[in-house]
Amino acid sequence: MAAKTVTPDAVSTLLANPSPDSTSDLPDIVVQVLDLKATGNKYMFVLSNLLISLRFPVFRFRSVTNCTVLSYYRFTANDGKTKLKAMISSDMCSQVLSGAIQNLGLIRVLDYTVNVIPNKSDK
């Protein structure tokens, strides 16, 4: 079911219950996605035939069989009143790449964990 509007005080609801015990305890939470950005690209290689050069302190690879780029997406969750910095889990990145999650779009929060990051300046 497509979300049609943000949930009033959704961010306050998330902060009031930072780590819910089960998804069945969650109220219906819909937030707007603002400032969606890919950050922290990490590369994962599956290598075959690794060769180590004894003359030089470098590795030489005969072939790379698979290379995957893992992106993490950050955004600001907005309920129309309050904003909260958020990150999309890596298993949901395909939803961003497919266009199902877009900047200025609405998302329904089905599961979450809130982590407080102390002494982090707001840029």
PDB file of N, CA and C in Angstrom:
ATOM      1  N   MET A   1       0.846  -1.175   0.000  1.00  0.00           N
ATOM      2  CA  MET A   1       0.000   0.000   0.000  1.00  0.00           C
ATOM      3  C   MET A   1       0.891   1.238   0.000  1.00  0.00           C
ATOM      4  N   ALA A   2       0.632   2.154  -0.890  1.00  0.00           N
ATOM      5  CA  ALA A   2       1.437   3.358  -1.022  1.00  0.00           C
ATOM      6  C   ALA A   2       1.083   4.350   0.084  1.00  0.00           C
ATOM      7  N   ALA A   3       2.101   4.974   0.622  1.00  0.00           N
ATOM      8  CA  ALA A   3       1.903   5.990   1.644  1.00  0.00           C
ATOM      9  C   ALA A   3       1.446   7.277   0.983  1.00  0.00           C
ATOM     10  N   LYS A   4       0.443   7.950   1.551  1.00  0.00           N
ATOM     11  CA  LYS A   4      -0.093   9.159   0.947  1.00  0.00           C
ATOM     12  C   LYS A   4       0.303  10.427   1.674  1.00  0.00           C
ATOM     13  N   THR A   5       0.632  10.308   2.967  1.00  0.00           N
ATOM     14  CA  THR A   5       1.009  11.477   3.746  1.00  0.00           C
ATOM     15  C   THR A   5       1.901  11.049   4.906  1.00  0.00           C
ATOM     16  N   VAL A   6       2.682  12.003   5.412  1.00  0.00           N
ATOM     17  CA  VAL A   6       3.554  11.686   6.543  1.00  0.00           C
ATOM     18  C   VAL A   6       2.723  11.510   7.806  1.00  0.00           C
ATOM     19  N   THR A   7       3.248  10.726   8.724  1.00  0.00           N
ATOM     20  CA  THR A   7       2.606  10.518  10.013  1.00  0.00           C
ATOM     21  C   THR A   7       2.956  11.694  10.916  1.00  0.00           C
ATOM     22  N   PRO A   8       1.948  12.380  11.475  1.00  0.00           N
ATOM     23  CA  PRO A   8       2.263  13.485  12.389  1.00  0.00           C
ATOM     24  C   PRO A   8       3.113  12.983  13.558  1.00  0.00           C
ATOM     25  N   ASP A   9       4.152  13.739  13.907  1.00  0.00           N
ATOM     26  CA  ASP A   9       5.066  13.418  15.009  1.00  0.00           C
ATOM     27  C   ASP A   9       5.748  12.062  14.851  1.00  0.00           C
ATOM     28  N   ALA A  10       6.010  11.650  13.597  1.00  0.00           N
ATOM     29  CA  ALA A  10       6.663  10.363  13.340  1.00  0.00           C
ATOM     30  C   ALA A  10       8.064  10.315  13.948  1.00  0.00           C
ATOM     31  N   VAL A  11       8.816  11.404  13.828  1.00  0.00           N
ATOM     32  CA  VAL A  11      10.180  11.424  14.364  1.00  0.00           C
ATOM     33  C   VAL A  11      10.144  11.299  15.886  1.00  0.00           C
ATOM     34  N   SER A  12       9.220  11.970  16.547  1.00  0.00           N
ATOM     35  CA  SER A  12       9.080  11.853  18.001  1.00  0.00           C
ATOM     36  C   SER A  12       8.740  10.426  18.412  1.00  0.00           C
ATOM     37  N   THR A  13       7.923   9.768  17.604  1.00  0.00           N
ATOM     38  CA  THR A  13       7.572   8.369  17.869  1.00  0.00           C
ATOM     39  C   THR A  13       8.805   7.477  17.759  1.00  0.00           C
ATOM     40  N   LEU A  14       9.628   7.705  16.731  1.00  0.00           N
ATOM     41  CA  LEU A  14      10.850   6.926  16.554  1.00  0.00           C
ATOM     42  C   LEU A  14      11.810   7.142  17.724  1.00  0.00           C
ATOM     43  N   LEU A  15      11.969   8.387  18.144  1.00  0.00           N
ATOM     44  CA  LEU A  15      12.889   8.694  19.237  1.00  0.00           C
ATOM     45  C   LEU A  15      12.385   8.187  20.584  1.00  0.00           C
ATOM     46  N   ALA A  16      11.078   8.133  20.754  1.00  0.00           N
ATOM     47  CA  ALA A  16      10.498   7.658  22.020  1.00  0.00           C
ATOM     48  C   ALA A  16      10.686   6.153  22.205  1.00  0.00           C
ATOM     49  N   ASN A  17      10.815   5.426  21.113  1.00  0.00           N
ATOM     50  CA  ASN A  17      11.003   3.980  21.177  1.00  0.00           C
ATOM     51  C   ASN A  17      12.170   3.621  20.251  1.00  0.00           C
ATOM     52  N   PRO A  18      13.433   3.853  20.703  1.00  0.00           N
ATOM     53  CA  PRO A  18      14.589   3.728  19.816  1.00  0.00           C
ATOM     54  C   PRO A  18      14.893   2.319  19.321  1.00  0.00           C
ATOM     55  N   SER A  19      14.431   1.302  20.009  1.00  0.00           N
ATOM     56  CA  SER A  19      14.718  -0.072  19.587  1.00  0.00           C
ATOM     57  C   SER A  19      13.526  -0.963  19.928  1.00  0.00           C
ATOM     58  N   PRO A  20      12.531  -0.991  19.062  1.00  0.00           N
ATOM     59  CA  PRO A  20      11.325  -1.761  19.364  1.00  0.00           C
ATOM     60  C   PRO A  20      11.617  -3.265  19.444  1.00  0.00           C
ATOM     61  N   ASP A  21      10.896  -3.947  20.336  1.00  0.00           N
ATOM     62  CA  ASP A  21      11.095  -5.389  20.526  1.00  0.00           C
ATOM     63  C   ASP A  21      10.617  -6.208  19.346  1.00  0.00           C
ATOM     64  N   SER A  22       9.541  -5.779  18.716  1.00  0.00           N
ATOM     65  CA  SER A  22       9.045  -6.510  17.550  1.00  0.00           C
ATOM     66  C   SER A  22       8.356  -5.544  16.608  1.00  0.00           C
ATOM     67  N   THR A  23       8.318  -5.927  15.337  1.00  0.00           N
ATOM     68  CA  THR A  23       7.698  -5.055  14.349  1.00  0.00           C
ATOM     69  C   THR A  23       6.186  -4.990  14.529  1.00  0.00           C
ATOM     70  N   SER A  24       5.600  -5.950  15.235  1.00  0.00           N
ATOM     71  CA  SER A  24       4.150  -5.920  15.452  1.00  0.00           C
ATOM     72  C   SER A  24       3.763  -4.823  16.437  1.00  0.00           C
ATOM     73  N   ASP A  25       4.733  -4.340  17.237  1.00  0.00           N
ATOM     74  CA  ASP A  25       4.463  -3.270  18.204  1.00  0.00           C
ATOM     75  C   ASP A  25       4.501  -1.881  17.589  1.00  0.00           C
ATOM     76  N   LEU A  26       4.932  -1.784  16.330  1.00  0.00           N
ATOM     77  CA  LEU A  26       5.127  -0.481  15.706  1.00  0.00           C
ATOM     78  C   LEU A  26       3.821   0.118  15.199  1.00  0.00           C
ATOM     79  N   PRO A  27       3.629   1.404  15.457  1.00  0.00           N
ATOM     80  CA  PRO A  27       2.502   2.088  14.810  1.00  0.00           C
ATOM     81  C   PRO A  27       2.848   2.331  13.344  1.00  0.00           C
ATOM     82  N   ASP A  28       1.881   2.754  12.569  1.00  0.00           N
ATOM     83  CA  ASP A  28       2.120   3.081  11.166  1.00  0.00           C
ATOM     84  C   ASP A  28       2.933   4.369  11.117  1.00  0.00           C
ATOM     85  N   ILE A  29       4.183   4.279  10.621  1.00  0.00           N
ATOM     86  CA  ILE A  29       5.078   5.436  10.579  1.00  0.00           C
ATOM     87  C   ILE A  29       5.471   5.705   9.135  1.00  0.00           C
ATOM     88  N   VAL A  30       5.149   6.913   8.649  1.00  0.00           N
ATOM     89  CA  VAL A  30       5.502   7.335   7.296  1.00  0.00           C
ATOM     90  C   VAL A  30       6.260   8.644   7.408  1.00  0.00           C
ATOM     91  N   VAL A  31       7.439   8.707   6.755  1.00  0.00           N
ATOM     92  CA  VAL A  31       8.254   9.924   6.752  1.00  0.00           C
ATOM     93  C   VAL A  31       8.598  10.298   5.318  1.00  0.00           C
ATOM     94  N   GLN A  32       8.954  11.558   5.132  1.00  0.00           N
ATOM     95  CA  GLN A  32       9.419  12.026   3.827  1.00  0.00           C
ATOM     96  C   GLN A  32      10.932  11.916   3.776  1.00  0.00           C
ATOM     97  N   VAL A  33      11.461  11.515   2.623  1.00  0.00           N
ATOM     98  CA  VAL A  33      12.896  11.383   2.395  1.00  0.00           C
ATOM     99  C   VAL A  33      13.426  12.703   1.848  1.00  0.00           C
ATOM    100  N   LEU A  34      14.385  13.290   2.554  1.00  0.00           N
ATOM    101  CA  LEU A  34      15.040  14.520   2.108  1.00  0.00           C
ATOM    102  C   LEU A  34      16.538  14.268   1.993  1.00  0.00           C
ATOM    103  N   ASP A  35      17.194  14.930   1.069  1.00  0.00           N
ATOM    104  CA  ASP A  35      18.658  14.899   0.919  1.00  0.00           C
ATOM    105  C   ASP A  35      19.201  13.478   0.796  1.00  0.00           C
ATOM    106  N   LEU A  36      18.591  12.658  -0.031  1.00  0.00           N
ATOM    107  CA  LEU A  36      19.042  11.277  -0.242  1.00  0.00           C
ATOM    108  C   LEU A  36      20.380  11.282  -0.963  1.00  0.00           C
ATOM    109  N   LYS A  37      21.402  10.635  -0.362  1.00  0.00           N
ATOM    110  CA  LYS A  37      22.750  10.629  -0.932  1.00  0.00           C
ATOM    111  C   LYS A  37      23.404   9.272  -0.745  1.00  0.00           C
ATOM    112  N   ALA A  38      24.145   8.851  -1.758  1.00  0.00           N
ATOM    113  CA  ALA A  38      24.981   7.660  -1.625  1.00  0.00           C
ATOM    114  C   ALA A  38      26.273   8.088  -0.944  1.00  0.00           C
ATOM    115  N   THR A  39      26.677   7.349   0.072  1.00  0.00           N
ATOM    116  CA  THR A  39      27.918   7.656   0.774  1.00  0.00           C
ATOM    117  C   THR A  39      28.661   6.367   1.080  1.00  0.00           C
ATOM    118  N   GLY A  40      29.938   6.502   1.368  1.00  0.00           N
ATOM    119  CA  GLY A  40      30.721   5.374   1.854  1.00  0.00           C
ATOM    120  C   GLY A  40      30.801   4.204   0.909  1.00  0.00           C
ATOM    121  N   ASN A  41      31.119   4.445  -0.379  1.00  0.00           N
ATOM    122  CA  ASN A  41      31.267   3.323  -1.304  1.00  0.00           C
ATOM    123  C   ASN A  41      32.371   2.398  -0.830  1.00  0.00           C
ATOM    124  N   LYS A  42      32.082   1.119  -0.816  1.00  0.00           N
ATOM    125  CA  LYS A  42      33.056   0.104  -0.439  1.00  0.00           C
ATOM    126  C   LYS A  42      33.097  -0.907  -1.554  1.00  0.00           C
ATOM    127  N   TYR A  43      34.275  -1.396  -1.857  1.00  0.00           N
ATOM    128  CA  TYR A  43      34.449  -2.355  -2.935  1.00  0.00           C
ATOM    129  C   TYR A  43      34.753  -3.720  -2.356  1.00  0.00           C
ATOM    130  N   MET A  44      34.087  -4.734  -2.863  1.00  0.00           N
ATOM    131  CA  MET A  44      34.324  -6.089  -2.422  1.00  0.00           C
ATOM    132  C   MET A  44      34.736  -6.897  -3.643  1.00  0.00           C
ATOM    133  N   PHE A  45      35.884  -7.518  -3.590  1.00  0.00           N
ATOM    134  CA  PHE A  45      36.406  -8.287  -4.710  1.00  0.00           C
ATOM    135  C   PHE A  45      36.452  -9.764  -4.344  1.00  0.00           C
ATOM    136  N   VAL A  46      36.102 -10.587  -5.289  1.00  0.00           N
ATOM    137  CA  VAL A  46      36.311 -12.023  -5.156  1.00  0.00           C
ATOM    138  C   VAL A  46      37.432 -12.357  -6.121  1.00  0.00           C
ATOM    139  N   LEU A  47      38.544 -12.812  -5.591  1.00  0.00           N
ATOM    140  CA  LEU A  47      39.746 -12.992  -6.399  1.00  0.00           C
ATOM    141  C   LEU A  47      40.019 -14.470  -6.643  1.00  0.00           C
ATOM    142  N   SER A  48      40.635 -14.736  -7.780  1.00  0.00           N
ATOM    143  CA  SER A  48      41.124 -16.077  -8.037  1.00  0.00           C
ATOM    144  C   SER A  48      42.561 -15.983  -8.508  1.00  0.00           C
ATOM    145  N   ASN A  49      43.332 -16.997  -8.231  1.00  0.00           N
ATOM    146  CA  ASN A  49      44.737 -17.070  -8.651  1.00  0.00           C
ATOM    147  C   ASN A  49      45.559 -15.902  -8.124  1.00  0.00           C
ATOM    148  N   LEU A  50      45.548 -15.725  -6.828  1.00  0.00           N
ATOM    149  CA  LEU A  50      46.322 -14.663  -6.205  1.00  0.00           C
ATOM    150  C   LEU A  50      47.805 -14.989  -6.299  1.00  0.00           C
ATOM    151  N   LEU A  51      48.586 -14.050  -6.821  1.00  0.00           N
ATOM    152  CA  LEU A  51      50.038 -14.217  -6.909  1.00  0.00           C
ATOM    153  C   LEU A  51      50.699 -13.157  -6.047  1.00  0.00           C
ATOM    154  N   ILE A  52      51.688 -13.571  -5.300  1.00  0.00           N
ATOM    155  CA  ILE A  52      52.414 -12.621  -4.467  1.00  0.00           C
ATOM    156  C   ILE A  52      53.829 -12.504  -5.015  1.00  0.00           C
ATOM    157  N   SER A  53      54.232 -11.288  -5.307  1.00  0.00           N
ATOM    158  CA  SER A  53      55.575 -11.055  -5.818  1.00  0.00           C
ATOM    159  C   SER A  53      56.547 -11.013  -4.644  1.00  0.00           C
ATOM    160  N   LEU A  54      57.587 -11.820  -4.701  1.00  0.00           N
ATOM    161  CA  LEU A  54      58.574 -11.835  -3.632  1.00  0.00           C
ATOM    162  C   LEU A  54      59.616 -10.747  -3.808  1.00  0.00           C
ATOM    163  N   ARG A  55      59.762 -10.238  -5.022  1.00  0.00           N
ATOM    164  CA  ARG A  55      60.729  -9.171  -5.271  1.00  0.00           C
ATOM    165  C   ARG A  55      60.219  -7.810  -4.835  1.00  0.00           C
ATOM    166  N   PHE A  56      58.948  -7.579  -5.016  1.00  0.00           N
ATOM    167  CA  PHE A  56      58.366  -6.279  -4.728  1.00  0.00           C
ATOM    168  C   PHE A  56      57.266  -6.439  -3.688  1.00  0.00           C
ATOM    169  N   PRO A  57      57.075  -5.458  -2.862  1.00  0.00           N
ATOM    170  CA  PRO A  57      56.036  -5.561  -1.829  1.00  0.00           C
ATOM    171  C   PRO A  57      54.644  -5.231  -2.389  1.00  0.00           C
ATOM    172  N   VAL A  58      54.286  -5.884  -3.476  1.00  0.00           N
ATOM    173  CA  VAL A  58      52.965  -5.669  -4.063  1.00  0.00           C
ATOM    174  C   VAL A  58      52.320  -7.019  -4.348  1.00  0.00           C
ATOM    175  N   PHE A  59      51.023  -7.005  -4.438  1.00  0.00           N
ATOM    176  CA  PHE A  59      50.283  -8.201  -4.830  1.00  0.00           C
ATOM    177  C   PHE A  59      49.947  -8.097  -6.306  1.00  0.00           C
ATOM    178  N   ARG A  60      49.990  -9.196  -7.010  1.00  0.00           N
ATOM    179  CA  ARG A  60      49.535  -9.232  -8.397  1.00  0.00           C
ATOM    180  C   ARG A  60      48.396 -10.225  -8.480  1.00  0.00           C
ATOM    181  N   PHE A  61      47.370  -9.856  -9.211  1.00  0.00           N
ATOM    182  CA  PHE A  61      46.203 -10.713  -9.347  1.00  0.00           C
ATOM    183  C   PHE A  61      46.080 -11.157 -10.789  1.00  0.00           C
ATOM    184  N   ARG A  62      45.881 -12.417 -10.988  1.00  0.00           N
ATOM    185  CA  ARG A  62      45.718 -12.930 -12.340  1.00  0.00           C
ATOM    186  C   ARG A  62      44.332 -12.597 -12.890  1.00  0.00           C
ATOM    187  N   SER A  63      43.328 -12.708 -12.052  1.00  0.00           N
ATOM    188  CA  SER A  63      41.984 -12.360 -12.529  1.00  0.00           C
ATOM    189  C   SER A  63      41.098 -11.968 -11.355  1.00  0.00           C
ATOM    190  N   VAL A  64      40.195 -11.098 -11.647  1.00  0.00           N
ATOM    191  CA  VAL A  64      39.163 -10.726 -10.683  1.00  0.00           C
ATOM    192  C   VAL A  64      37.878 -11.339 -11.201  1.00  0.00           C
ATOM    193  N   THR A  65      37.288 -12.231 -10.424  1.00  0.00           N
ATOM    194  CA  THR A  65      36.107 -12.937 -10.905  1.00  0.00           C
ATOM    195  C   THR A  65      34.814 -12.183 -10.625  1.00  0.00           C
ATOM    196  N   ASN A  66      34.831 -11.306  -9.638  1.00  0.00           N
ATOM    197  CA  ASN A  66      33.607 -10.594  -9.311  1.00  0.00           C
ATOM    198  C   ASN A  66      33.981  -9.310  -8.578  1.00  0.00           C
ATOM    199  N   CYS A  67      33.336  -8.236  -8.918  1.00  0.00           N
ATOM    200  CA  CYS A  67      33.557  -6.965  -8.233  1.00  0.00           C
ATOM    201  C   CYS A  67      32.201  -6.344  -7.956  1.00  0.00           C
ATOM    202  N   THR A  68      31.943  -6.051  -6.711  1.00  0.00           N
ATOM    203  CA  THR A  68      30.661  -5.486  -6.324  1.00  0.00           C
ATOM    204  C   THR A  68      30.901  -4.176  -5.588  1.00  0.00           C
ATOM    205  N   VAL A  69      30.152  -3.156  -5.929  1.00  0.00           N
ATOM    206  CA  VAL A  69      30.231  -1.885  -5.219  1.00  0.00           C
ATOM    207  C   VAL A  69      29.070  -1.846  -4.236  1.00  0.00           C
ATOM    208  N   LEU A  70      29.399  -1.675  -2.963  1.00  0.00           N
ATOM    209  CA  LEU A  70      28.379  -1.580  -1.926  1.00  0.00           C
ATOM    210  C   LEU A  70      28.216  -0.121  -1.548  1.00  0.00           C
ATOM    211  N   SER A  71      27.048   0.440  -1.763  1.00  0.00           N
ATOM    212  CA  SER A  71      26.788   1.828  -1.409  1.00  0.00           C
ATOM    213  C   SER A  71      25.867   1.874  -0.201  1.00  0.00           C
ATOM    214  N   TYR A  72      26.060   2.898   0.576  1.00  0.00           N
ATOM    215  CA  TYR A  72      25.187   3.147   1.698  1.00  0.00           C
ATOM    216  C   TYR A  72      24.502   4.464   1.433  1.00  0.00           C
ATOM    217  N   TYR A  73      23.226   4.533   1.724  1.00  0.00           N
ATOM    218  CA  TYR A  73      22.475   5.747   1.456  1.00  0.00           C
ATOM    219  C   TYR A  73      22.060   6.396   2.762  1.00  0.00           C
ATOM    220  N   ARG A  74      22.274   7.689   2.819  1.00  0.00           N
ATOM    221  CA  ARG A  74      21.862   8.482   3.971  1.00  0.00           C
ATOM    222  C   ARG A  74      20.781   9.454   3.503  1.00  0.00           C
ATOM    223  N   PHE A  75      19.919   9.821   4.437  1.00  0.00           N
ATOM    224  CA  PHE A  75      18.882  10.802   4.121  1.00  0.00           C
ATOM    225  C   PHE A  75      18.431  11.466   5.405  1.00  0.00           C
ATOM    226  N   THR A  76      17.596  12.462   5.264  1.00  0.00           N
ATOM    227  CA  THR A  76      16.967  13.110   6.407  1.00  0.00           C
ATOM    228  C   THR A  76      15.503  12.709   6.399  1.00  0.00           C
ATOM    229  N   ALA A  77      15.058  12.109   7.505  1.00  0.00           N
ATOM    230  CA  ALA A  77      13.647  11.740   7.654  1.00  0.00           C
ATOM    231  C   ALA A  77      12.906  12.957   8.187  1.00  0.00           C
ATOM    232  N   ASN A  78      11.810  13.311   7.539  1.00  0.00           N
ATOM    233  CA  ASN A  78      11.061  14.520   7.875  1.00  0.00           C
ATOM    234  C   ASN A  78       9.599  14.158   8.093  1.00  0.00           C
ATOM    235  N   ASP A  79       9.021  14.649   9.192  1.00  0.00           N
ATOM    236  CA  ASP A  79       7.585  14.435   9.425  1.00  0.00           C
ATOM    237  C   ASP A  79       6.791  15.724   9.287  1.00  0.00           C
ATOM    238  N   GLY A  80       7.422  16.752   8.704  1.00  0.00           N
ATOM    239  CA  GLY A  80       6.768  18.041   8.531  1.00  0.00           C
ATOM    240  C   GLY A  80       7.004  18.988   9.689  1.00  0.00           C
ATOM    241  N   LYS A  81       7.500  18.447  10.797  1.00  0.00           N
ATOM    242  CA  LYS A  81       7.748  19.244  11.993  1.00  0.00           C
ATOM    243  C   LYS A  81       9.188  19.068  12.495  1.00  0.00           C
ATOM    244  N   THR A  82       9.665  17.826  12.454  1.00  0.00           N
ATOM    245  CA  THR A  82      10.985  17.482  12.978  1.00  0.00           C
ATOM    246  C   THR A  82      11.756  16.666  11.953  1.00  0.00           C
ATOM    247  N   LYS A  83      13.083  16.827  11.956  1.00  0.00           N
ATOM    248  CA  LYS A  83      13.942  16.065  11.038  1.00  0.00           C
ATOM    249  C   LYS A  83      14.882  15.181  11.833  1.00  0.00           C
ATOM    250  N   LEU A  84      15.293  14.074  11.206  1.00  0.00           N
ATOM    251  CA  LEU A  84      16.187  13.114  11.837  1.00  0.00           C
ATOM    252  C   LEU A  84      17.105  12.542  10.776  1.00  0.00           C
ATOM    253  N   LYS A  85      18.422  12.541  11.027  1.00  0.00           N
ATOM    254  CA  LYS A  85      19.373  11.926  10.093  1.00  0.00           C
ATOM    255  C   LYS A  85      19.151  10.423  10.106  1.00  0.00           C
ATOM    256  N   ALA A  86      19.198   9.796   8.931  1.00  0.00           N
ATOM    257  CA  ALA A  86      18.912   8.370   8.834  1.00  0.00           C
ATOM    258  C   ALA A  86      19.797   7.710   7.790  1.00  0.00           C
ATOM    259  N   MET A  87      19.873   6.398   7.861  1.00  0.00           N
ATOM    260  CA  MET A  87      20.640   5.611   6.899  1.00  0.00           C
ATOM    261  C   MET A  87      19.792   4.425   6.467  1.00  0.00           C
ATOM    262  N   ILE A  88      19.830   4.127   5.183  1.00  0.00           N
ATOM    263  CA  ILE A  88      19.106   2.974   4.644  1.00  0.00           C
ATOM    264  C   ILE A  88      20.005   1.755   4.761  1.00  0.00           C
ATOM    265  N   SER A  89      19.474   0.662   5.279  1.00  0.00           N
ATOM    266  CA  SER A  89      20.283  -0.544   5.439  1.00  0.00           C
ATOM    267  C   SER A  89      20.757  -1.038   4.080  1.00  0.00           C
ATOM    268  N   SER A  90      21.910  -1.694   4.074  1.00  0.00           N
ATOM    269  CA  SER A  90      22.537  -2.103   2.812  1.00  0.00           C
ATOM    270  C   SER A  90      21.659  -3.058   2.011  1.00  0.00           C
ATOM    271  N   ASP A  91      20.819  -3.839   2.677  1.00  0.00           N
ATOM    272  CA  ASP A  91      19.950  -4.752   1.929  1.00  0.00           C
ATOM    273  C   ASP A  91      18.785  -4.035   1.248  1.00  0.00           C
ATOM    274  N   MET A  92      18.583  -2.758   1.552  1.00  0.00           N
ATOM    275  CA  MET A  92      17.527  -1.974   0.909  1.00  0.00           C
ATOM    276  C   MET A  92      18.066  -1.053  -0.188  1.00  0.00           C
ATOM    277  N   CYS A  93      19.372  -1.076  -0.440  1.00  0.00           N
ATOM    278  CA  CYS A  93      19.972  -0.191  -1.449  1.00  0.00           C
ATOM    279  C   CYS A  93      19.405  -0.437  -2.841  1.00  0.00           C
ATOM    280  N   SER A  94      19.009  -1.662  -3.127  1.00  0.00           N
ATOM    281  CA  SER A  94      18.429  -1.952  -4.439  1.00  0.00           C
ATOM    282  C   SER A  94      17.131  -1.184  -4.649  1.00  0.00           C
ATOM    283  N   GLN A  95      16.418  -0.865  -3.552  1.00  0.00           N
ATOM    284  CA  GLN A  95      15.187  -0.079  -3.659  1.00  0.00           C
ATOM    285  C   GLN A  95      15.490   1.349  -4.099  1.00  0.00           C
ATOM    286  N   VAL A  96      16.636   1.870  -3.694  1.00  0.00           N
ATOM    287  CA  VAL A  96      17.050   3.207  -4.129  1.00  0.00           C
ATOM    288  C   VAL A  96      17.452   3.163  -5.596  1.00  0.00           C
ATOM    289  N   LEU A  97      18.252   2.156  -5.953  1.00  0.00           N
ATOM    290  CA  LEU A  97      18.721   2.044  -7.339  1.00  0.00           C
ATOM    291  C   LEU A  97      17.569   1.822  -8.318  1.00  0.00           C
ATOM    292  N   SER A  98      16.517   1.130  -7.891  1.00  0.00           N
ATOM    293  CA  SER A  98      15.372   0.879  -8.765  1.00  0.00           C
ATOM    294  C   SER A  98      14.437   2.082  -8.855  1.00  0.00           C
ATOM    295  N   GLY A  99      14.611   3.052  -7.952  1.00  0.00           N
ATOM    296  CA  GLY A  99      13.747   4.227  -7.960  1.00  0.00           C
ATOM    297  C   GLY A  99      12.554   4.122  -7.031  1.00  0.00           C
ATOM    298  N   ALA A 100      12.429   3.001  -6.313  1.00  0.00           N
ATOM    299  CA  ALA A 100      11.310   2.838  -5.382  1.00  0.00           C
ATOM    300  C   ALA A 100      11.431   3.805  -4.201  1.00  0.00           C
ATOM    301  N   ILE A 101      12.664   4.106  -3.791  1.00  0.00           N
ATOM    302  CA  ILE A 101      12.915   5.117  -2.762  1.00  0.00           C
ATOM    303  C   ILE A 101      13.594   6.286  -3.463  1.00  0.00           C
ATOM    304  N   GLN A 102      12.970   7.466  -3.363  1.00  0.00           N
ATOM    305  CA  GLN A 102      13.484   8.650  -4.062  1.00  0.00           C
ATOM    306  C   GLN A 102      13.510   9.848  -3.128  1.00  0.00           C
ATOM    307  N   ASN A 103      14.366  10.808  -3.488  1.00  0.00           N
ATOM    308  CA  ASN A 103      14.400  12.059  -2.761  1.00  0.00           C
ATOM    309  C   ASN A 103      13.031  12.732  -2.869  1.00  0.00           C
ATOM    310  N   LEU A 104      12.546  13.272  -1.775  1.00  0.00           N
ATOM    311  CA  LEU A 104      11.235  13.928  -1.635  1.00  0.00           C
ATOM    312  C   LEU A 104      10.067  12.938  -1.648  1.00  0.00           C
ATOM    313  N   GLY A 105      10.359  11.634  -1.708  1.00  0.00           N
ATOM    314  CA  GLY A 105       9.311  10.623  -1.662  1.00  0.00           C
ATOM    315  C   GLY A 105       8.935  10.284  -0.233  1.00  0.00           C
ATOM    316  N   LEU A 106       7.922   9.458  -0.094  1.00  0.00           N
ATOM    317  CA  LEU A 106       7.465   9.005   1.220  1.00  0.00           C
ATOM    318  C   LEU A 106       7.816   7.534   1.393  1.00  0.00           C
ATOM    319  N   ILE A 107       8.243   7.180   2.609  1.00  0.00           N
ATOM    320  CA  ILE A 107       8.515   5.777   2.911  1.00  0.00           C
ATOM    321  C   ILE A 107       7.811   5.385   4.206  1.00  0.00           C
ATOM    322  N   ARG A 108       7.387   4.156   4.260  1.00  0.00           N
ATOM    323  CA  ARG A 108       6.783   3.594   5.466  1.00  0.00           C
ATOM    324  C   ARG A 108       7.893   2.877   6.223  1.00  0.00           C
ATOM    325  N   VAL A 109       8.056   3.194   7.490  1.00  0.00           N
ATOM    326  CA  VAL A 109       9.092   2.590   8.328  1.00  0.00           C
ATOM    327  C   VAL A 109       8.522   1.307   8.927  1.00  0.00           C
ATOM    328  N   LEU A 110       9.104   0.175   8.526  1.00  0.00           N
ATOM    329  CA  LEU A 110       8.625  -1.126   9.012  1.00  0.00           C
ATOM    330  C   LEU A 110       9.464  -1.665  10.163  1.00  0.00           C
ATOM    331  N   ASP A 111      10.729  -1.285  10.213  1.00  0.00           N
ATOM    332  CA  ASP A 111      11.621  -1.715  11.280  1.00  0.00           C
ATOM    333  C   ASP A 111      12.745  -0.692  11.369  1.00  0.00           C
ATOM    334  N   TYR A 112      13.268  -0.475  12.550  1.00  0.00           N
ATOM    335  CA  TYR A 112      14.305   0.542  12.705  1.00  0.00           C
ATOM    336  C   TYR A 112      15.023   0.355  14.029  1.00  0.00           C
ATOM    337  N   THR A 113      16.168   1.010  14.126  1.00  0.00           N
ATOM    338  CA  THR A 113      16.909   1.161  15.371  1.00  0.00           C
ATOM    339  C   THR A 113      17.477   2.565  15.373  1.00  0.00           C
ATOM    340  N   VAL A 114      17.319   3.268  16.472  1.00  0.00           N
ATOM    341  CA  VAL A 114      17.864   4.622  16.605  1.00  0.00           C
ATOM    342  C   VAL A 114      19.157   4.530  17.399  1.00  0.00           C
ATOM    343  N   ASN A 115      20.224   5.083  16.856  1.00  0.00           N
ATOM    344  CA  ASN A 115      21.513   5.157  17.541  1.00  0.00           C
ATOM    345  C   ASN A 115      21.863   6.605  17.762  1.00  0.00           C
ATOM    346  N   VAL A 116      22.194   6.959  18.977  1.00  0.00           N
ATOM    347  CA  VAL A 116      22.613   8.315  19.293  1.00  0.00           C
ATOM    348  C   VAL A 116      24.117   8.395  19.081  1.00  0.00           C
ATOM    349  N   ILE A 117      24.555   9.350  18.267  1.00  0.00           N
ATOM    350  CA  ILE A 117      25.972   9.543  17.978  1.00  0.00           C
ATOM    351  C   ILE A 117      26.402  10.832  18.670  1.00  0.00           C
ATOM    352  N   PRO A 118      27.107  10.700  19.807  1.00  0.00           N
ATOM    353  CA  PRO A 118      27.486  11.889  20.567  1.00  0.00           C
ATOM    354  C   PRO A 118      28.607  12.672  19.891  1.00  0.00           C
ATOM    355  N   ASN A 119      28.644  13.963  20.172  1.00  0.00           N
ATOM    356  CA  ASN A 119      29.708  14.862  19.694  1.00  0.00           C
ATOM    357  C   ASN A 119      29.864  14.849  18.183  1.00  0.00           C
ATOM    358  N   LYS A 120      28.814  14.639  17.460  1.00  0.00           N
ATOM    359  CA  LYS A 120      28.844  14.665  15.999  1.00  0.00           C
ATOM    360  C   LYS A 120      28.287  16.021  15.577  1.00  0.00           C
ATOM    361  N   SER A 121      29.111  16.830  14.935  1.00  0.00           N
ATOM    362  CA  SER A 121      28.643  18.139  14.503  1.00  0.00           C
ATOM    363  C   SER A 121      27.669  17.992  13.352  1.00  0.00           C
ATOM    364  N   ASP A 122      26.659  18.812  13.321  1.00  0.00           N
ATOM    365  CA  ASP A 122      25.660  18.783  12.258  1.00  0.00           C
ATOM    366  C   ASP A 122      26.153  19.670  11.134  1.00  0.00           C
ATOM    367  N   LYS A 123      26.469  19.067   9.994  1.00  0.00           N
ATOM    368  CA  LYS A 123      27.032  19.828   8.866  1.00  0.00           C
ATOM    369  C   LYS A 123      25.966  20.428   8.006  1.00  0.00           C
TER     370      LYS A 123
END
